[in-house]
N, C-alpha and C. Protein backbone atom coordinates (compact mmCIF):
# COMPACT_ATOMS: atom_id res chain seq x y z
N MET A 1 102.52 86.08 84.63
CA MET A 1 102.39 87.60 84.19
C MET A 1 102.46 88.22 85.72
N HIS A 2 103.58 89.06 85.80
CA HIS A 2 103.92 89.60 87.24
C HIS A 2 102.60 90.65 87.66
N TRP A 3 102.06 91.37 86.92
CA TRP A 3 100.88 92.39 87.27
C TRP A 3 99.44 91.46 87.62
N ILE A 4 99.54 90.08 87.18
CA ILE A 4 98.41 89.37 87.76
C ILE A 4 98.76 88.87 88.99
N LYS A 5 99.99 88.45 89.10
CA LYS A 5 100.46 88.32 90.66
C LYS A 5 100.30 89.37 91.72
N LYS A 6 100.69 90.55 91.31
CA LYS A 6 100.36 91.66 92.18
C LYS A 6 98.97 91.69 92.35
N LYS A 7 98.11 91.76 91.56
CA LYS A 7 96.59 91.98 91.68
C LYS A 7 96.02 90.88 92.53
N THR A 8 96.69 89.83 92.41
CA THR A 8 96.07 88.63 93.48
C THR A 8 96.52 89.05 94.85
N VAL A 9 97.85 89.34 95.11
CA VAL A 9 98.45 89.92 96.19
C VAL A 9 97.41 91.13 96.83
N LEU A 10 96.89 91.77 96.03
CA LEU A 10 96.45 93.22 96.49
C LEU A 10 94.82 92.72 97.00
N LEU A 11 94.21 91.67 96.20
CA LEU A 11 93.01 91.39 96.32
C LEU A 11 92.96 90.33 97.79
N ILE A 12 93.94 89.87 98.11
CA ILE A 12 93.95 88.83 99.30
C ILE A 12 94.28 89.79 100.49
N VAL A 13 94.88 90.90 100.33
CA VAL A 13 95.09 91.96 101.52
C VAL A 13 93.63 92.81 101.69
N MET A 14 93.15 92.79 100.59
CA MET A 14 91.69 93.45 100.57
C MET A 14 90.69 92.68 101.40
N LEU A 15 90.70 91.62 101.12
CA LEU A 15 90.03 90.36 101.97
C LEU A 15 90.24 90.36 103.04
N ALA A 16 91.38 90.23 103.58
CA ALA A 16 91.79 90.24 105.06
C ALA A 16 91.30 91.43 105.91
N THR A 17 91.17 92.57 105.12
CA THR A 17 90.62 93.64 105.98
C THR A 17 89.25 93.59 106.10
N ALA A 18 88.46 92.79 105.38
CA ALA A 18 86.97 92.87 105.50
C ALA A 18 86.25 92.72 106.79
N PRO A 19 86.69 91.70 107.64
CA PRO A 19 86.15 91.78 108.91
C PRO A 19 85.82 92.98 109.50
N GLY A 20 87.09 93.57 109.53
CA GLY A 20 86.87 95.22 110.15
C GLY A 20 85.88 95.95 110.06
N ILE A 21 85.71 95.96 108.30
CA ILE A 21 84.47 96.62 107.85
C ILE A 21 83.08 95.97 108.24
N ARG A 22 83.11 94.85 108.00
CA ARG A 22 82.09 94.07 108.57
C ARG A 22 81.31 94.58 109.78
N ALA A 23 82.35 94.39 111.06
CA ALA A 23 82.06 95.23 112.24
C ALA A 23 81.53 96.64 112.18
N GLY A 24 82.05 97.24 111.21
CA GLY A 24 81.32 98.50 111.54
C GLY A 24 79.98 98.58 110.91
N LEU A 25 79.59 97.61 109.96
CA LEU A 25 78.14 97.29 109.64
C LEU A 25 77.14 96.79 110.90
N ILE A 26 77.74 96.57 112.03
CA ILE A 26 77.16 95.88 112.91
C ILE A 26 76.93 96.98 114.16
N ASP A 27 78.25 97.60 114.47
CA ASP A 27 78.30 98.53 115.74
C ASP A 27 78.17 100.04 115.14
N GLY A 28 78.46 100.39 113.90
CA GLY A 28 78.35 101.70 113.47
C GLY A 28 76.99 102.27 112.98
N ASN A 29 76.89 102.94 112.07
CA ASN A 29 75.65 103.55 111.25
C ASN A 29 74.79 102.14 110.81
N ALA A 30 74.30 101.47 111.62
CA ALA A 30 73.71 100.47 111.29
C ALA A 30 72.33 100.74 110.56
N GLY A 31 71.92 101.72 110.67
CA GLY A 31 70.28 102.16 109.93
C GLY A 31 70.70 102.18 108.69
N SER A 32 71.87 102.73 108.15
CA SER A 32 71.79 102.89 106.66
C SER A 32 71.87 101.53 105.98
N GLN A 33 72.27 100.52 106.70
CA GLN A 33 72.51 99.17 105.94
C GLN A 33 71.35 98.35 106.10
N ASN A 34 70.21 98.66 106.54
CA ASN A 34 68.82 98.16 106.50
C ASN A 34 68.40 97.78 105.26
N LYS A 35 68.90 98.56 104.03
CA LYS A 35 68.32 98.67 103.06
C LYS A 35 69.46 98.66 101.97
N THR A 36 68.93 98.18 100.51
CA THR A 36 70.12 98.32 99.63
C THR A 36 70.66 99.79 99.48
N MET A 37 71.83 100.02 99.14
CA MET A 37 72.47 101.27 99.23
C MET A 37 72.93 101.49 97.93
N HIS A 38 72.58 102.51 97.06
CA HIS A 38 73.12 102.81 95.86
C HIS A 38 73.59 104.02 95.77
N THR A 39 75.24 103.84 95.27
CA THR A 39 76.17 105.33 95.34
C THR A 39 76.79 105.38 94.06
N PHE A 40 76.54 106.77 93.94
CA PHE A 40 77.31 107.53 92.68
C PHE A 40 78.37 108.33 92.92
N ALA A 41 79.50 108.07 92.39
CA ALA A 41 81.13 108.68 92.85
C ALA A 41 81.39 109.56 91.65
N VAL A 42 81.97 110.39 91.85
CA VAL A 42 83.04 111.14 90.90
C VAL A 42 84.38 111.67 91.60
N SER A 43 85.45 111.23 91.21
CA SER A 43 86.86 111.65 91.84
C SER A 43 88.04 112.03 90.90
N VAL A 44 88.79 112.83 91.23
CA VAL A 44 89.79 113.22 90.36
C VAL A 44 91.02 113.27 91.34
N GLY A 45 92.29 113.18 90.65
CA GLY A 45 93.54 113.12 91.38
C GLY A 45 94.70 112.51 90.52
N PRO A 46 95.97 112.79 91.27
CA PRO A 46 97.28 112.30 90.33
C PRO A 46 97.34 110.80 90.42
N ALA A 47 97.90 110.25 89.13
CA ALA A 47 97.89 108.85 89.18
C ALA A 47 99.53 108.70 88.38
N TRP A 48 100.08 107.74 88.74
CA TRP A 48 101.50 107.20 88.33
C TRP A 48 101.49 105.95 87.70
N ILE A 49 102.02 105.99 86.25
CA ILE A 49 102.28 105.03 85.64
C ILE A 49 103.59 104.22 86.09
N THR A 50 103.56 102.95 86.65
CA THR A 50 104.44 102.26 87.19
C THR A 50 105.29 101.43 86.08
N SER A 51 104.35 100.90 85.04
CA SER A 51 105.26 100.46 84.04
C SER A 51 106.39 101.00 83.34
N LYS A 52 107.13 100.60 82.22
CA LYS A 52 108.05 101.09 81.60
C LYS A 52 107.29 101.48 80.47
N VAL A 53 107.50 102.85 79.79
CA VAL A 53 106.85 103.21 78.60
C VAL A 53 108.06 103.67 77.53
N TYR A 54 108.05 103.10 76.39
CA TYR A 54 109.01 103.59 75.48
C TYR A 54 108.30 104.68 74.53
N THR A 55 109.26 105.36 74.25
CA THR A 55 108.95 106.40 73.33
C THR A 55 109.92 106.48 72.25
N PRO A 56 110.10 107.19 71.21
CA PRO A 56 110.80 106.91 70.08
C PRO A 56 112.53 107.30 70.39
N LYS A 57 112.50 108.07 71.51
CA LYS A 57 113.89 108.66 71.73
C LYS A 57 114.26 108.07 73.52
N ASN A 58 113.26 107.82 74.17
CA ASN A 58 113.52 107.27 75.50
C ASN A 58 112.56 106.38 76.20
N SER A 59 112.77 105.73 77.39
CA SER A 59 111.75 105.35 78.18
C SER A 59 111.63 105.72 79.61
N TYR A 60 110.34 105.63 80.02
CA TYR A 60 110.11 106.34 81.18
C TYR A 60 109.32 105.21 82.26
N SER A 61 109.41 105.56 83.39
CA SER A 61 108.66 104.68 84.50
C SER A 61 108.35 105.66 85.58
N TRP A 62 107.20 105.42 86.37
CA TRP A 62 106.71 106.45 87.17
C TRP A 62 106.79 107.80 86.69
N ARG A 63 105.87 107.94 85.81
CA ARG A 63 105.31 109.08 85.05
C ARG A 63 103.85 109.53 85.77
N THR A 64 104.10 110.83 86.10
CA THR A 64 102.73 111.49 86.76
C THR A 64 101.58 111.78 85.53
N GLY A 65 100.56 111.50 85.80
CA GLY A 65 99.35 111.86 85.03
C GLY A 65 98.01 112.31 85.98
N PHE A 66 97.21 112.41 85.22
CA PHE A 66 95.89 112.79 85.75
C PHE A 66 94.65 111.86 85.75
N GLU A 67 93.84 111.46 86.66
CA GLU A 67 93.05 110.41 86.53
C GLU A 67 91.68 111.03 86.90
N VAL A 68 90.56 110.74 86.29
CA VAL A 68 89.24 111.11 86.43
C VAL A 68 88.26 109.78 86.38
N THR A 69 87.81 109.66 87.44
CA THR A 69 86.99 108.43 88.12
C THR A 69 85.54 108.72 88.21
N GLY A 70 84.49 107.75 87.43
CA GLY A 70 83.11 107.91 87.79
C GLY A 70 82.75 106.45 87.82
N GLU A 71 81.86 106.10 89.14
CA GLU A 71 81.42 104.81 89.16
C GLU A 71 80.06 104.88 90.03
N TYR A 72 79.18 103.55 89.91
CA TYR A 72 78.17 103.37 90.69
C TYR A 72 78.08 102.00 91.27
N ASN A 73 77.75 101.93 92.63
CA ASN A 73 77.93 100.85 93.19
C ASN A 73 76.50 100.52 93.99
N CYS A 74 75.99 99.20 93.90
CA CYS A 74 74.84 98.89 94.68
C CYS A 74 75.38 97.96 95.55
N VAL A 75 75.15 98.24 96.94
CA VAL A 75 75.61 97.18 97.96
C VAL A 75 74.30 97.08 98.79
N PHE A 76 74.13 95.67 99.28
CA PHE A 76 73.34 95.12 99.67
C PHE A 76 73.40 94.97 101.36
N SER A 77 72.25 94.83 102.17
CA SER A 77 72.51 94.86 103.32
C SER A 77 73.59 94.10 104.23
N GLY A 78 73.97 92.96 103.67
CA GLY A 78 74.99 92.23 104.23
C GLY A 78 76.49 92.79 103.81
N GLY A 79 76.35 93.95 103.11
CA GLY A 79 77.84 94.66 102.72
C GLY A 79 78.66 94.14 101.59
N THR A 80 77.82 93.20 100.90
CA THR A 80 78.55 92.61 99.57
C THR A 80 77.56 93.30 98.44
N GLY A 81 78.16 93.44 97.37
CA GLY A 81 77.52 94.15 96.27
C GLY A 81 78.25 94.26 94.84
N PHE A 82 77.67 94.95 94.01
CA PHE A 82 78.36 95.08 92.37
C PHE A 82 78.34 96.27 92.02
N GLY A 83 79.19 96.82 91.03
CA GLY A 83 79.27 98.04 90.40
C GLY A 83 79.83 98.35 89.25
N ILE A 84 79.94 99.57 88.70
CA ILE A 84 80.58 99.54 87.22
C ILE A 84 81.34 100.63 87.32
N THR A 85 82.47 100.52 86.76
CA THR A 85 83.57 101.99 86.92
C THR A 85 84.04 102.26 85.36
N TYR A 86 83.97 103.48 85.35
CA TYR A 86 84.81 104.05 84.25
C TYR A 86 86.20 105.26 84.66
N THR A 87 87.11 104.87 84.34
CA THR A 87 88.24 105.79 84.77
C THR A 87 89.07 106.24 83.66
N SER A 88 89.61 107.34 83.53
CA SER A 88 90.39 107.63 82.49
C SER A 88 91.69 108.47 82.77
N ASN A 89 92.78 108.23 82.11
CA ASN A 89 93.99 108.83 82.58
C ASN A 89 94.63 109.47 81.37
N ILE A 90 95.42 110.69 81.57
CA ILE A 90 96.27 111.42 80.70
C ILE A 90 97.59 111.49 81.37
N THR A 91 98.38 111.06 80.41
CA THR A 91 99.59 111.25 81.15
C THR A 91 100.76 111.83 79.97
N SER A 92 101.33 112.81 79.85
CA SER A 92 102.51 113.73 78.82
C SER A 92 103.78 112.99 78.89
N TYR A 93 104.20 112.84 77.90
CA TYR A 93 105.74 112.28 77.69
C TYR A 93 106.49 113.22 76.93
N PRO A 94 107.83 113.62 77.34
CA PRO A 94 108.41 114.70 76.44
C PRO A 94 108.80 114.09 75.08
N ASN A 95 108.45 115.05 74.21
CA ASN A 95 108.44 114.94 72.79
C ASN A 95 107.84 113.72 72.10
N ALA A 96 106.68 113.41 72.67
CA ALA A 96 105.82 111.98 72.54
C ALA A 96 104.31 112.51 72.52
N GLY A 97 104.04 113.62 72.98
CA GLY A 97 102.70 113.91 73.20
C GLY A 97 102.10 113.51 74.30
N ASP A 98 100.53 113.16 74.47
CA ASP A 98 99.84 112.54 75.46
C ASP A 98 99.60 111.21 75.31
N LEU A 99 99.80 110.45 76.36
CA LEU A 99 99.44 108.90 76.24
C LEU A 99 97.77 109.04 77.20
N LYS A 100 97.08 108.60 76.41
CA LYS A 100 95.63 108.66 76.94
C LYS A 100 95.08 106.95 77.35
N GLN A 101 94.54 106.74 78.21
CA GLN A 101 93.85 105.44 78.81
C GLN A 101 92.44 105.59 79.46
N TYR A 102 91.85 104.49 79.05
CA TYR A 102 90.47 104.34 79.81
C TYR A 102 90.13 102.96 80.24
N TYR A 103 89.53 102.81 81.03
CA TYR A 103 89.10 101.52 81.49
C TYR A 103 87.53 101.51 81.98
N VAL A 104 86.90 100.46 81.72
CA VAL A 104 85.35 100.52 81.81
C VAL A 104 85.22 98.99 82.19
N GLY A 105 84.45 98.61 83.16
CA GLY A 105 83.94 97.09 83.65
C GLY A 105 83.12 97.12 84.83
N PRO A 106 82.70 95.97 84.95
CA PRO A 106 81.90 95.72 86.18
C PRO A 106 82.82 95.35 87.39
N SER A 107 82.37 95.35 88.58
CA SER A 107 83.26 94.91 89.81
C SER A 107 82.31 94.28 90.75
N LEU A 108 83.17 93.59 91.77
CA LEU A 108 82.70 93.20 93.15
C LEU A 108 82.78 94.22 94.09
N VAL A 109 82.13 94.40 95.03
CA VAL A 109 82.40 95.53 95.80
C VAL A 109 82.02 94.85 97.42
N TYR A 110 82.52 95.23 98.42
CA TYR A 110 82.42 94.92 99.81
C TYR A 110 82.61 96.23 100.62
N ALA A 111 81.48 96.71 101.28
CA ALA A 111 81.71 97.93 101.76
C ALA A 111 80.63 98.16 103.26
N GLY A 112 81.19 99.24 103.87
CA GLY A 112 80.30 99.18 105.16
C GLY A 112 80.77 100.31 106.00
N PHE A 113 79.96 100.62 107.05
CA PHE A 113 80.42 101.68 107.74
C PHE A 113 81.43 101.22 109.00
N LEU A 114 82.18 102.28 109.25
CA LEU A 114 83.34 101.95 110.26
C LEU A 114 82.85 102.91 111.47
N GLY A 115 82.00 103.62 111.45
CA GLY A 115 81.43 104.60 112.58
C GLY A 115 80.20 105.24 112.20
N SER A 116 79.72 106.26 113.04
CA SER A 116 78.41 107.00 112.45
C SER A 116 78.69 107.80 111.23
N HIS A 117 80.11 108.09 110.93
CA HIS A 117 80.32 109.10 110.01
C HIS A 117 81.53 108.68 108.74
N TRP A 118 81.71 107.22 109.02
CA TRP A 118 82.91 106.87 108.39
C TRP A 118 82.58 105.80 107.45
N HIS A 119 82.97 105.53 106.20
CA HIS A 119 82.46 104.43 105.56
C HIS A 119 83.69 103.99 104.55
N ALA A 120 83.83 102.60 104.44
CA ALA A 120 84.91 102.28 103.57
C ALA A 120 84.77 101.13 102.69
N LYS A 121 85.16 101.16 101.58
CA LYS A 121 84.90 100.25 100.23
C LYS A 121 86.13 99.43 99.94
N VAL A 122 86.11 98.48 99.51
CA VAL A 122 87.01 97.48 98.54
C VAL A 122 86.32 97.04 97.39
N ASP A 123 86.86 97.06 96.19
CA ASP A 123 86.14 96.48 95.16
C ASP A 123 87.30 96.10 94.03
N VAL A 124 87.04 95.03 93.30
CA VAL A 124 87.97 94.30 92.43
C VAL A 124 87.17 94.11 90.79
N GLY A 125 87.74 94.35 89.79
CA GLY A 125 87.00 94.14 88.63
C GLY A 125 87.93 93.84 87.41
N ILE A 126 87.43 93.37 86.44
CA ILE A 126 87.93 93.03 85.09
C ILE A 126 86.91 93.75 84.02
N GLY A 127 87.50 94.41 83.38
CA GLY A 127 86.55 95.11 81.97
C GLY A 127 87.48 95.25 80.83
N TYR A 128 87.13 96.23 80.03
CA TYR A 128 87.81 96.68 78.76
C TYR A 128 88.78 97.61 78.92
N ALA A 129 90.10 97.74 78.51
CA ALA A 129 91.17 98.73 78.67
C ALA A 129 91.61 99.23 77.42
N ASN A 130 91.88 100.40 77.23
CA ASN A 130 92.20 101.16 75.74
C ASN A 130 93.41 102.21 76.30
N CYS A 131 94.24 102.13 75.33
CA CYS A 131 95.57 102.93 75.40
C CYS A 131 95.55 103.73 73.95
N SER A 132 95.85 105.02 74.03
CA SER A 132 96.02 105.49 72.60
C SER A 132 96.92 106.71 72.85
N ASP A 133 97.82 107.05 71.58
CA ASP A 133 98.44 108.10 71.60
C ASP A 133 98.59 108.83 70.07
N GLU A 134 99.15 109.54 69.63
CA GLU A 134 98.99 110.30 68.47
C GLU A 134 99.07 109.45 67.15
N LEU A 135 99.79 108.36 67.40
CA LEU A 135 99.98 107.21 66.20
C LEU A 135 99.02 106.10 66.20
N SER A 136 98.44 105.68 67.30
CA SER A 136 97.87 104.34 67.38
C SER A 136 97.09 104.33 68.52
N SER A 137 96.18 103.01 68.47
CA SER A 137 95.15 103.00 69.66
C SER A 137 95.09 101.40 69.65
N GLU A 138 95.18 100.99 71.06
CA GLU A 138 95.04 99.49 70.98
C GLU A 138 94.07 99.26 72.29
N GLY A 139 93.41 98.18 72.29
CA GLY A 139 92.48 97.67 73.30
C GLY A 139 92.87 96.47 73.62
N GLY A 140 92.25 96.03 75.06
CA GLY A 140 92.69 94.70 75.66
C GLY A 140 91.84 94.58 76.94
N VAL A 141 92.38 93.53 77.62
CA VAL A 141 91.77 93.35 79.11
C VAL A 141 92.42 94.26 80.20
N GLY A 142 91.60 94.64 81.01
CA GLY A 142 92.04 95.74 82.30
C GLY A 142 91.69 94.97 83.63
N LEU A 143 92.29 95.18 84.45
CA LEU A 143 92.02 94.53 85.85
C LEU A 143 92.11 96.17 86.88
N LYS A 144 91.35 96.19 87.45
CA LYS A 144 90.83 97.25 88.37
C LYS A 144 90.66 96.92 90.00
N SER A 145 91.46 97.46 90.93
CA SER A 145 91.26 97.32 92.23
C SER A 145 91.07 98.71 92.78
N GLY A 146 90.28 98.69 94.07
CA GLY A 146 90.16 100.11 94.66
C GLY A 146 89.91 99.81 96.33
N LEU A 147 90.71 100.62 97.02
CA LEU A 147 90.43 100.63 98.31
C LEU A 147 90.01 101.98 98.77
N SER A 148 88.82 102.60 99.07
CA SER A 148 88.27 103.86 99.70
C SER A 148 88.29 104.04 101.27
N ILE A 149 88.43 105.27 101.83
CA ILE A 149 87.61 105.73 102.86
C ILE A 149 86.92 107.08 102.77
N GLU A 150 85.85 107.21 103.36
CA GLU A 150 84.98 108.24 103.01
C GLU A 150 84.51 108.85 104.30
N TYR A 151 84.40 110.07 104.39
CA TYR A 151 83.59 110.84 105.62
C TYR A 151 82.16 111.33 105.11
N LEU A 152 81.28 110.84 105.98
CA LEU A 152 80.04 111.67 105.41
C LEU A 152 79.63 112.91 106.48
N PRO A 153 79.52 113.94 106.13
CA PRO A 153 79.04 114.83 107.10
C PRO A 153 77.53 114.92 107.23
N CYS A 154 76.91 114.25 106.14
CA CYS A 154 75.51 114.01 106.46
C CYS A 154 75.16 112.66 105.73
N ARG A 155 74.01 112.14 105.99
CA ARG A 155 73.34 110.84 105.72
C ARG A 155 73.79 110.44 104.24
N ASN A 156 73.50 111.30 103.29
CA ASN A 156 73.24 110.87 102.05
C ASN A 156 74.59 111.28 101.12
N VAL A 157 75.50 112.44 101.63
CA VAL A 157 76.54 112.84 100.87
C VAL A 157 78.09 112.34 101.94
N GLY A 158 78.92 112.02 100.90
CA GLY A 158 80.16 112.09 101.55
C GLY A 158 81.36 112.58 100.68
N ILE A 159 82.74 112.73 101.25
CA ILE A 159 83.66 112.84 100.26
C ILE A 159 84.92 111.55 100.70
N GLY A 160 85.23 111.15 99.49
CA GLY A 160 86.00 109.91 99.77
C GLY A 160 87.33 110.22 99.08
N LEU A 161 88.05 109.19 99.65
CA LEU A 161 89.58 109.38 99.43
C LEU A 161 89.86 107.90 98.65
N GLU A 162 90.20 107.74 97.58
CA GLU A 162 90.64 106.38 97.13
C GLU A 162 91.84 106.17 96.51
N MET A 163 92.38 104.80 96.70
CA MET A 163 93.64 104.61 96.02
C MET A 163 93.40 103.47 95.14
N ILE A 164 93.55 103.51 93.80
CA ILE A 164 93.16 102.65 92.84
C ILE A 164 94.37 102.10 92.00
N SER A 165 94.24 100.83 91.57
CA SER A 165 95.24 100.42 90.70
C SER A 165 94.42 99.82 89.23
N VAL A 166 95.00 100.10 88.30
CA VAL A 166 94.64 99.58 86.90
C VAL A 166 95.80 98.97 86.13
N SER A 167 95.57 97.77 85.68
CA SER A 167 96.61 97.17 84.63
C SER A 167 95.90 96.79 83.47
N SER A 168 96.50 96.99 82.71
CA SER A 168 95.93 96.62 81.14
C SER A 168 96.97 95.70 80.34
N TYR A 169 96.46 94.66 79.75
CA TYR A 169 97.16 93.72 78.84
C TYR A 169 96.66 93.87 77.41
N LEU A 170 97.51 94.46 76.64
CA LEU A 170 97.09 95.40 75.39
C LEU A 170 97.85 94.08 74.09
N GLY A 171 98.47 93.02 74.66
CA GLY A 171 98.73 91.94 73.43
C GLY A 171 99.84 92.30 72.68
N ASN A 172 99.85 93.17 71.71
CA ASN A 172 101.12 93.43 70.77
C ASN A 172 102.16 94.25 71.65
N ARG A 173 103.57 93.82 71.27
CA ARG A 173 104.52 94.71 71.93
C ARG A 173 104.58 96.24 71.31
N SER A 174 105.01 97.04 72.09
CA SER A 174 105.62 98.39 71.56
C SER A 174 106.65 98.29 70.54
N ASP A 175 106.15 99.13 69.43
CA ASP A 175 107.37 99.18 68.15
C ASP A 175 108.67 99.59 68.78
N PHE A 176 108.64 100.37 70.09
CA PHE A 176 109.83 100.88 70.46
C PHE A 176 110.58 100.28 71.42
N ALA A 177 110.03 98.93 71.92
CA ALA A 177 110.38 98.12 72.72
C ALA A 177 111.66 97.24 72.42
N PRO A 178 112.59 97.32 73.41
CA PRO A 178 113.85 96.34 72.70
C PRO A 178 113.25 94.81 72.55
N ARG A 179 113.92 94.41 71.66
CA ARG A 179 113.49 92.78 71.23
C ARG A 179 114.22 91.74 72.10
N ASN A 180 115.10 92.08 72.94
CA ASN A 180 115.60 91.20 73.69
C ASN A 180 115.38 91.00 75.04
N THR A 181 113.92 91.41 75.50
CA THR A 181 113.36 91.18 76.73
C THR A 181 112.33 90.63 76.88
N ASN A 182 111.93 90.04 77.87
CA ASN A 182 110.32 89.52 77.96
C ASN A 182 109.30 90.05 78.56
N GLU A 183 109.48 91.40 78.21
CA GLU A 183 108.27 92.36 78.50
C GLU A 183 107.15 92.06 77.74
N ARG A 184 106.22 92.42 78.26
CA ARG A 184 104.65 92.35 77.52
C ARG A 184 104.20 93.34 77.57
N ASN A 185 103.33 93.85 76.54
CA ASN A 185 102.82 95.37 76.00
C ASN A 185 101.62 95.28 77.02
N GLY A 186 101.61 95.93 77.93
CA GLY A 186 100.73 96.59 79.04
C GLY A 186 101.23 97.72 79.79
N ILE A 187 100.14 98.33 80.37
CA ILE A 187 100.43 99.40 81.14
C ILE A 187 99.67 99.19 82.64
N ALA A 188 100.54 99.66 83.73
CA ALA A 188 100.24 99.55 85.06
C ALA A 188 100.03 100.85 85.45
N ARG A 189 99.22 101.18 86.41
CA ARG A 189 99.31 102.76 87.14
C ARG A 189 98.52 102.37 88.18
N ILE A 190 98.97 103.41 89.22
CA ILE A 190 98.23 103.60 90.73
C ILE A 190 97.66 104.91 90.62
N GLY A 191 96.76 105.02 91.32
CA GLY A 191 95.87 106.69 91.58
C GLY A 191 95.65 107.05 92.96
N LEU A 192 95.61 108.18 93.33
CA LEU A 192 94.84 108.53 94.65
C LEU A 192 94.17 109.76 93.98
N THR A 193 92.99 109.31 94.27
CA THR A 193 91.65 110.41 93.89
C THR A 193 91.02 110.78 95.16
N LEU A 194 90.00 112.12 95.05
CA LEU A 194 89.53 112.52 95.89
C LEU A 194 88.24 112.97 95.43
N GLY A 195 87.25 112.88 95.61
CA GLY A 195 85.80 113.15 95.20
C GLY A 195 84.62 113.25 96.10
N LEU A 196 83.40 113.36 95.27
CA LEU A 196 81.97 113.22 95.88
C LEU A 196 81.54 112.05 95.81
N ARG A 197 80.74 111.90 96.96
CA ARG A 197 79.47 110.31 96.78
C ARG A 197 78.47 110.60 97.29
N VAL A 198 77.53 110.15 96.57
CA VAL A 198 76.03 110.36 96.90
C VAL A 198 75.43 109.29 96.94
N HIS A 199 74.68 109.00 98.45
CA HIS A 199 74.18 107.51 98.61
C HIS A 199 72.66 107.74 98.57
N LEU A 200 71.82 106.74 98.19
CA LEU A 200 70.27 106.69 97.78
C LEU A 200 70.05 105.61 98.29
């Protein structure tokens, strides 16, 4: 499955950048990492469905929608941790209404300070994904990954910019998809969100 291959490549890239983040833990704002850090975050921004979506009259790729994300992360003093993410997306299609998606699931997190006011995070998770329109609703397996950079004007509050990727595998083929292709029924999207982070 192509979307699994893409996720694997993205995870390798994220892990390759991890040593730079860890250096920030040692040389940067190390005082904040002497204890476990709990982070609550809310972000909004545009997102783009990169896979092909079929409607009764047409097919579309790279359609722009709106993303809302909420998450909780627990990061230990060494930089590794865990979290849970909920993210939803609404994308409109001509003559077909709104396509609504959401994902919820746990994640593995690696995070740390890059300096006295900068914080970075990478995460990857697997969970439940759902996609619905005016006619039906389908659920399946979702994969989520994220890469974020955050500026903290004070110790406990920051503003973060995050690039996310969410792919869902929904099992059954779309009723409107051509039958002579090897395409699977799933949706992949990427998003760029901006939001508030609170660290405790």
